[in-house]
Amino acid sequence: MFLKKLHDLFYLKPYFSIFLTVVIGVMCFIPSENIPDVSTDDKTAHFVAFAVLGFSWFMFLKNYGKVAIGLTFFAVFIEFVQYLLPVSFHRAFDLLDIMADVLGIGIGFAIAFVFNIIVK
């Protein structure tokens, strides 16, 4: 029952996915000292954030190719914007961040795929 309700939350409306996208975007563009310390390294944070983001968008749109391309574009966009931010933000372009994001998207895809099999 709980899994079905969770499934419907992601599957029927885009609100949660949009909310996550905005929150992750904001967290990536604010100065790094304003981000709460979660006692994890940067790459793990990128991986987990994009796994959750990937899962939520895959569940809603059901078009894995378009979602993967869109989220990869979003990951690259974030890094280019960080490159353009002032030095005082302590943000920089990092290819390893993009790689962690893409791996997270892949894991989000796998979790969504398995989740859909379990719920149906």
N, C-alpha and C. Protein backbone atom coordinates (compact mmCIF):
# COMPACT_ATOMS: atom_id res chain seq x y z
N MET A 1 0.83 -1.20 0.00
CA MET A 1 0.00 0.00 0.00
C MET A 1 0.87 1.26 0.00
N PHE A 2 1.89 1.29 0.88
CA PHE A 2 2.78 2.44 0.95
C PHE A 2 3.52 2.63 -0.37
N LEU A 3 4.00 1.51 -0.96
CA LEU A 3 4.72 1.61 -2.22
C LEU A 3 3.82 2.12 -3.33
N LYS A 4 2.56 1.74 -3.31
CA LYS A 4 1.61 2.22 -4.33
C LYS A 4 1.39 3.72 -4.19
N LYS A 5 1.26 4.21 -2.96
CA LYS A 5 1.08 5.65 -2.74
C LYS A 5 2.33 6.42 -3.17
N LEU A 6 3.49 5.87 -2.84
CA LEU A 6 4.74 6.50 -3.25
C LEU A 6 4.86 6.51 -4.77
N HIS A 7 4.48 5.42 -5.38
CA HIS A 7 4.47 5.31 -6.84
C HIS A 7 3.59 6.39 -7.45
N ASP A 8 2.38 6.56 -6.92
CA ASP A 8 1.45 7.54 -7.45
C ASP A 8 1.95 8.97 -7.26
N LEU A 9 2.67 9.23 -6.16
CA LEU A 9 3.22 10.56 -5.91
C LEU A 9 4.16 10.96 -7.05
N PHE A 10 5.00 10.06 -7.48
CA PHE A 10 5.96 10.36 -8.54
C PHE A 10 5.34 10.23 -9.93
N TYR A 11 4.44 9.30 -10.07
CA TYR A 11 3.95 8.89 -11.38
C TYR A 11 2.91 9.84 -11.98
N LEU A 12 2.15 10.48 -11.13
CA LEU A 12 0.99 11.22 -11.63
C LEU A 12 1.21 12.72 -11.79
N LYS A 13 2.07 13.31 -10.99
CA LYS A 13 2.23 14.76 -11.02
C LYS A 13 3.72 15.13 -11.00
N PRO A 14 4.08 16.23 -11.67
CA PRO A 14 5.50 16.61 -11.73
C PRO A 14 5.98 17.48 -10.58
N TYR A 15 5.10 17.81 -9.62
CA TYR A 15 5.45 18.81 -8.61
C TYR A 15 6.69 18.45 -7.81
N PHE A 16 6.79 17.20 -7.39
CA PHE A 16 7.94 16.79 -6.59
C PHE A 16 9.23 16.86 -7.40
N SER A 17 9.18 16.45 -8.65
CA SER A 17 10.35 16.50 -9.53
C SER A 17 10.79 17.94 -9.78
N ILE A 18 9.83 18.82 -10.00
CA ILE A 18 10.16 20.23 -10.20
C ILE A 18 10.77 20.81 -8.94
N PHE A 19 10.18 20.51 -7.79
CA PHE A 19 10.71 20.99 -6.51
C PHE A 19 12.15 20.53 -6.31
N LEU A 20 12.42 19.25 -6.55
CA LEU A 20 13.78 18.73 -6.39
C LEU A 20 14.76 19.41 -7.34
N THR A 21 14.34 19.64 -8.57
CA THR A 21 15.21 20.29 -9.55
C THR A 21 15.57 21.70 -9.10
N VAL A 22 14.60 22.44 -8.60
CA VAL A 22 14.85 23.80 -8.13
C VAL A 22 15.77 23.79 -6.91
N VAL A 23 15.50 22.91 -5.96
CA VAL A 23 16.33 22.84 -4.75
C VAL A 23 17.77 22.49 -5.10
N ILE A 24 17.98 21.50 -5.95
CA ILE A 24 19.33 21.10 -6.33
C ILE A 24 20.02 22.23 -7.10
N GLY A 25 19.29 22.88 -7.99
CA GLY A 25 19.86 24.02 -8.72
C GLY A 25 20.29 25.13 -7.78
N VAL A 26 19.45 25.48 -6.83
CA VAL A 26 19.79 26.54 -5.86
C VAL A 26 21.01 26.14 -5.03
N MET A 27 21.03 24.89 -4.57
CA MET A 27 22.15 24.42 -3.75
C MET A 27 23.47 24.47 -4.53
N CYS A 28 23.41 24.30 -5.84
CA CYS A 28 24.62 24.32 -6.66
C CYS A 28 25.09 25.73 -6.99
N PHE A 29 24.23 26.72 -6.83
CA PHE A 29 24.59 28.08 -7.24
C PHE A 29 24.85 29.03 -6.08
N ILE A 30 24.57 28.62 -4.86
CA ILE A 30 24.83 29.51 -3.73
C ILE A 30 26.27 29.31 -3.25
N PRO A 31 26.82 30.28 -2.54
CA PRO A 31 28.19 30.12 -2.03
C PRO A 31 28.31 28.86 -1.17
N SER A 32 29.42 28.17 -1.32
CA SER A 32 29.56 26.86 -0.67
C SER A 32 29.52 26.94 0.85
N GLU A 33 29.93 28.06 1.43
CA GLU A 33 29.87 28.15 2.90
C GLU A 33 28.44 28.32 3.42
N ASN A 34 27.48 28.58 2.54
CA ASN A 34 26.08 28.69 2.95
C ASN A 34 25.34 27.35 2.88
N ILE A 35 26.02 26.30 2.44
CA ILE A 35 25.40 24.99 2.33
C ILE A 35 25.59 24.25 3.65
N PRO A 36 24.53 23.64 4.16
CA PRO A 36 24.67 22.90 5.42
C PRO A 36 25.68 21.76 5.27
N ASP A 37 26.47 21.54 6.29
CA ASP A 37 27.46 20.47 6.29
C ASP A 37 26.76 19.15 6.55
N VAL A 38 26.86 18.23 5.60
CA VAL A 38 26.23 16.92 5.76
C VAL A 38 27.27 15.82 5.94
N SER A 39 28.48 16.21 6.23
CA SER A 39 29.58 15.27 6.50
C SER A 39 29.77 14.25 5.39
N THR A 40 29.74 14.69 4.16
CA THR A 40 30.01 13.82 3.03
C THR A 40 30.83 14.60 2.01
N ASP A 41 31.50 13.88 1.14
CA ASP A 41 32.29 14.59 0.14
C ASP A 41 31.39 15.07 -1.00
N ASP A 42 31.93 15.96 -1.79
CA ASP A 42 31.20 16.63 -2.87
C ASP A 42 30.68 15.64 -3.91
N LYS A 43 31.49 14.67 -4.28
CA LYS A 43 31.09 13.72 -5.33
C LYS A 43 29.93 12.84 -4.87
N THR A 44 29.96 12.43 -3.61
CA THR A 44 28.85 11.63 -3.08
C THR A 44 27.56 12.45 -3.07
N ALA A 45 27.67 13.72 -2.69
CA ALA A 45 26.49 14.59 -2.68
C ALA A 45 25.92 14.73 -4.10
N HIS A 46 26.80 14.93 -5.09
CA HIS A 46 26.34 15.02 -6.48
C HIS A 46 25.66 13.72 -6.91
N PHE A 47 26.30 12.59 -6.60
CA PHE A 47 25.78 11.28 -6.97
C PHE A 47 24.38 11.05 -6.38
N VAL A 48 24.24 11.29 -5.09
CA VAL A 48 22.95 11.06 -4.43
C VAL A 48 21.88 12.02 -4.94
N ALA A 49 22.25 13.30 -5.08
CA ALA A 49 21.28 14.29 -5.55
C ALA A 49 20.74 13.92 -6.93
N PHE A 50 21.63 13.52 -7.84
CA PHE A 50 21.17 13.20 -9.19
C PHE A 50 20.52 11.83 -9.27
N ALA A 51 20.83 10.92 -8.35
CA ALA A 51 20.11 9.65 -8.30
C ALA A 51 18.65 9.90 -7.91
N VAL A 52 18.44 10.74 -6.90
CA VAL A 52 17.08 11.08 -6.46
C VAL A 52 16.36 11.86 -7.57
N LEU A 53 17.06 12.81 -8.16
CA LEU A 53 16.48 13.60 -9.24
C LEU A 53 16.13 12.70 -10.43
N GLY A 54 17.05 11.84 -10.79
CA GLY A 54 16.81 10.91 -11.90
C GLY A 54 15.62 10.00 -11.62
N PHE A 55 15.56 9.45 -10.42
CA PHE A 55 14.44 8.58 -10.05
C PHE A 55 13.12 9.32 -10.19
N SER A 56 13.04 10.53 -9.64
CA SER A 56 11.76 11.25 -9.66
C SER A 56 11.33 11.61 -11.08
N TRP A 57 12.26 12.06 -11.94
CA TRP A 57 11.89 12.41 -13.31
C TRP A 57 11.60 11.18 -14.16
N PHE A 58 12.36 10.10 -13.96
CA PHE A 58 12.07 8.86 -14.68
C PHE A 58 10.68 8.34 -14.35
N MET A 59 10.32 8.41 -13.07
CA MET A 59 9.01 7.92 -12.64
C MET A 59 7.88 8.74 -13.27
N PHE A 60 8.07 10.04 -13.38
CA PHE A 60 7.00 10.88 -13.91
C PHE A 60 6.92 10.82 -15.44
N LEU A 61 8.04 11.05 -16.12
CA LEU A 61 8.00 11.17 -17.57
C LEU A 61 7.98 9.85 -18.32
N LYS A 62 8.53 8.81 -17.70
CA LYS A 62 8.52 7.47 -18.29
C LYS A 62 9.25 7.40 -19.62
N ASN A 63 10.04 8.41 -19.95
CA ASN A 63 10.85 8.40 -21.18
C ASN A 63 12.31 8.50 -20.74
N TYR A 64 12.91 7.35 -20.58
CA TYR A 64 14.23 7.29 -19.98
C TYR A 64 15.30 8.02 -20.81
N GLY A 65 15.22 7.95 -22.12
CA GLY A 65 16.20 8.61 -22.97
C GLY A 65 16.16 10.12 -22.84
N LYS A 66 14.98 10.69 -22.93
CA LYS A 66 14.84 12.14 -22.83
C LYS A 66 15.23 12.64 -21.44
N VAL A 67 14.86 11.90 -20.42
CA VAL A 67 15.20 12.30 -19.05
C VAL A 67 16.72 12.25 -18.85
N ALA A 68 17.35 11.19 -19.33
CA ALA A 68 18.80 11.06 -19.18
C ALA A 68 19.53 12.19 -19.90
N ILE A 69 19.09 12.52 -21.09
CA ILE A 69 19.72 13.62 -21.84
C ILE A 69 19.46 14.95 -21.14
N GLY A 70 18.23 15.18 -20.71
CA GLY A 70 17.89 16.43 -20.03
C GLY A 70 18.66 16.62 -18.74
N LEU A 71 18.76 15.58 -17.92
CA LEU A 71 19.48 15.70 -16.66
C LEU A 71 20.98 15.81 -16.87
N THR A 72 21.50 15.15 -17.89
CA THR A 72 22.93 15.31 -18.21
C THR A 72 23.21 16.74 -18.63
N PHE A 73 22.33 17.30 -19.45
CA PHE A 73 22.46 18.70 -19.84
C PHE A 73 22.41 19.60 -18.60
N PHE A 74 21.50 19.31 -17.67
CA PHE A 74 21.38 20.08 -16.43
C PHE A 74 22.68 20.00 -15.63
N ALA A 75 23.28 18.82 -15.55
CA ALA A 75 24.54 18.64 -14.82
C ALA A 75 25.66 19.47 -15.44
N VAL A 76 25.76 19.45 -16.75
CA VAL A 76 26.80 20.23 -17.45
C VAL A 76 26.52 21.72 -17.29
N PHE A 77 25.26 22.11 -17.40
CA PHE A 77 24.87 23.52 -17.21
C PHE A 77 25.29 24.01 -15.83
N ILE A 78 25.04 23.21 -14.80
CA ILE A 78 25.41 23.59 -13.43
C ILE A 78 26.91 23.85 -13.34
N GLU A 79 27.70 22.97 -13.93
CA GLU A 79 29.16 23.13 -13.85
C GLU A 79 29.63 24.36 -14.61
N PHE A 80 29.03 24.66 -15.76
CA PHE A 80 29.42 25.86 -16.49
C PHE A 80 29.04 27.13 -15.73
N VAL A 81 27.88 27.12 -15.10
CA VAL A 81 27.48 28.28 -14.29
C VAL A 81 28.44 28.44 -13.11
N GLN A 82 28.82 27.33 -12.48
CA GLN A 82 29.77 27.41 -11.36
C GLN A 82 31.11 27.97 -11.82
N TYR A 83 31.50 27.67 -13.04
CA TYR A 83 32.74 28.22 -13.61
C TYR A 83 32.65 29.74 -13.71
N LEU A 84 31.46 30.24 -14.00
CA LEU A 84 31.26 31.68 -14.19
C LEU A 84 31.01 32.45 -12.88
N LEU A 85 30.75 31.73 -11.80
CA LEU A 85 30.47 32.40 -10.53
C LEU A 85 31.73 33.07 -9.98
N PRO A 86 31.55 34.12 -9.17
CA PRO A 86 32.71 34.80 -8.58
C PRO A 86 33.53 33.84 -7.70
N VAL A 87 34.80 34.13 -7.57
CA VAL A 87 35.70 33.30 -6.77
C VAL A 87 35.21 33.20 -5.33
N SER A 88 34.56 34.24 -4.84
CA SER A 88 34.09 34.26 -3.45
C SER A 88 33.03 33.18 -3.17
N PHE A 89 32.44 32.61 -4.21
CA PHE A 89 31.44 31.55 -4.04
C PHE A 89 32.10 30.20 -3.77
N HIS A 90 33.40 30.11 -4.02
CA HIS A 90 34.15 28.86 -3.86
C HIS A 90 33.53 27.73 -4.68
N ARG A 91 33.19 28.05 -5.91
CA ARG A 91 32.62 27.09 -6.85
C ARG A 91 33.51 27.06 -8.09
N ALA A 92 33.62 25.90 -8.72
CA ALA A 92 34.45 25.78 -9.91
C ALA A 92 33.92 24.65 -10.79
N PHE A 93 34.24 24.70 -12.07
CA PHE A 93 33.90 23.63 -12.99
C PHE A 93 34.69 22.40 -12.59
N ASP A 94 34.01 21.25 -12.53
CA ASP A 94 34.68 20.00 -12.17
C ASP A 94 34.08 18.87 -12.99
N LEU A 95 34.88 18.31 -13.87
CA LEU A 95 34.43 17.22 -14.72
C LEU A 95 34.01 16.00 -13.89
N LEU A 96 34.66 15.79 -12.75
CA LEU A 96 34.30 14.66 -11.89
C LEU A 96 32.91 14.83 -11.28
N ASP A 97 32.48 16.08 -11.07
CA ASP A 97 31.11 16.32 -10.62
C ASP A 97 30.11 15.85 -11.67
N ILE A 98 30.40 16.15 -12.93
CA ILE A 98 29.51 15.72 -14.02
C ILE A 98 29.47 14.20 -14.08
N MET A 99 30.63 13.56 -13.91
CA MET A 99 30.66 12.10 -13.93
C MET A 99 29.85 11.51 -12.78
N ALA A 100 29.96 12.12 -11.59
CA ALA A 100 29.17 11.65 -10.44
C ALA A 100 27.67 11.86 -10.71
N ASP A 101 27.33 12.99 -11.33
CA ASP A 101 25.93 13.25 -11.67
C ASP A 101 25.39 12.20 -12.64
N VAL A 102 26.16 11.88 -13.68
CA VAL A 102 25.71 10.91 -14.69
C VAL A 102 25.59 9.51 -14.07
N LEU A 103 26.51 9.14 -13.20
CA LEU A 103 26.38 7.86 -12.50
C LEU A 103 25.13 7.84 -11.63
N GLY A 104 24.85 8.96 -10.96
CA GLY A 104 23.63 9.06 -10.16
C GLY A 104 22.38 8.94 -11.01
N ILE A 105 22.39 9.55 -12.18
CA ILE A 105 21.25 9.44 -13.10
C ILE A 105 21.03 7.97 -13.47
N GLY A 106 22.12 7.27 -13.75
CA GLY A 106 22.02 5.84 -14.09
C GLY A 106 21.45 5.02 -12.96
N ILE A 107 21.89 5.29 -11.74
CA ILE A 107 21.35 4.57 -10.58
C ILE A 107 19.88 4.93 -10.36
N GLY A 108 19.54 6.21 -10.54
CA GLY A 108 18.13 6.61 -10.45
C GLY A 108 17.26 5.88 -11.46
N PHE A 109 17.79 5.71 -12.68
CA PHE A 109 17.10 4.94 -13.71
C PHE A 109 16.89 3.50 -13.26
N ALA A 110 17.94 2.87 -12.74
CA ALA A 110 17.85 1.47 -12.31
C ALA A 110 16.85 1.30 -11.17
N ILE A 111 16.89 2.22 -10.21
CA ILE A 111 15.95 2.13 -9.08
C ILE A 111 14.51 2.32 -9.56
N ALA A 112 14.29 3.27 -10.46
CA ALA A 112 12.95 3.49 -11.00
C ALA A 112 12.46 2.27 -11.77
N PHE A 113 13.34 1.67 -12.53
CA PHE A 113 12.98 0.48 -13.30
C PHE A 113 12.54 -0.66 -12.37
N VAL A 114 13.35 -0.93 -11.36
CA VAL A 114 13.04 -1.99 -10.39
C VAL A 114 11.77 -1.64 -9.61
N PHE A 115 11.66 -0.38 -9.18
CA PHE A 115 10.49 0.06 -8.42
C PHE A 115 9.22 -0.15 -9.22
N ASN A 116 9.24 0.17 -10.52
CA ASN A 116 8.05 -0.03 -11.36
C ASN A 116 7.69 -1.50 -11.49
N ILE A 117 8.69 -2.37 -11.53
CA ILE A 117 8.42 -3.81 -11.61
C ILE A 117 7.79 -4.29 -10.30
N ILE A 118 8.30 -3.84 -9.17
CA ILE A 118 7.78 -4.28 -7.87
C ILE A 118 6.35 -3.81 -7.65
N VAL A 119 6.05 -2.57 -8.01
CA VAL A 119 4.74 -2.00 -7.73
C VAL A 119 3.67 -2.55 -8.66
N LYS A 120 4.03 -2.85 -9.90
CA LYS A 120 3.00 -3.31 -10.86
C LYS A 120 2.73 -4.76 -10.77
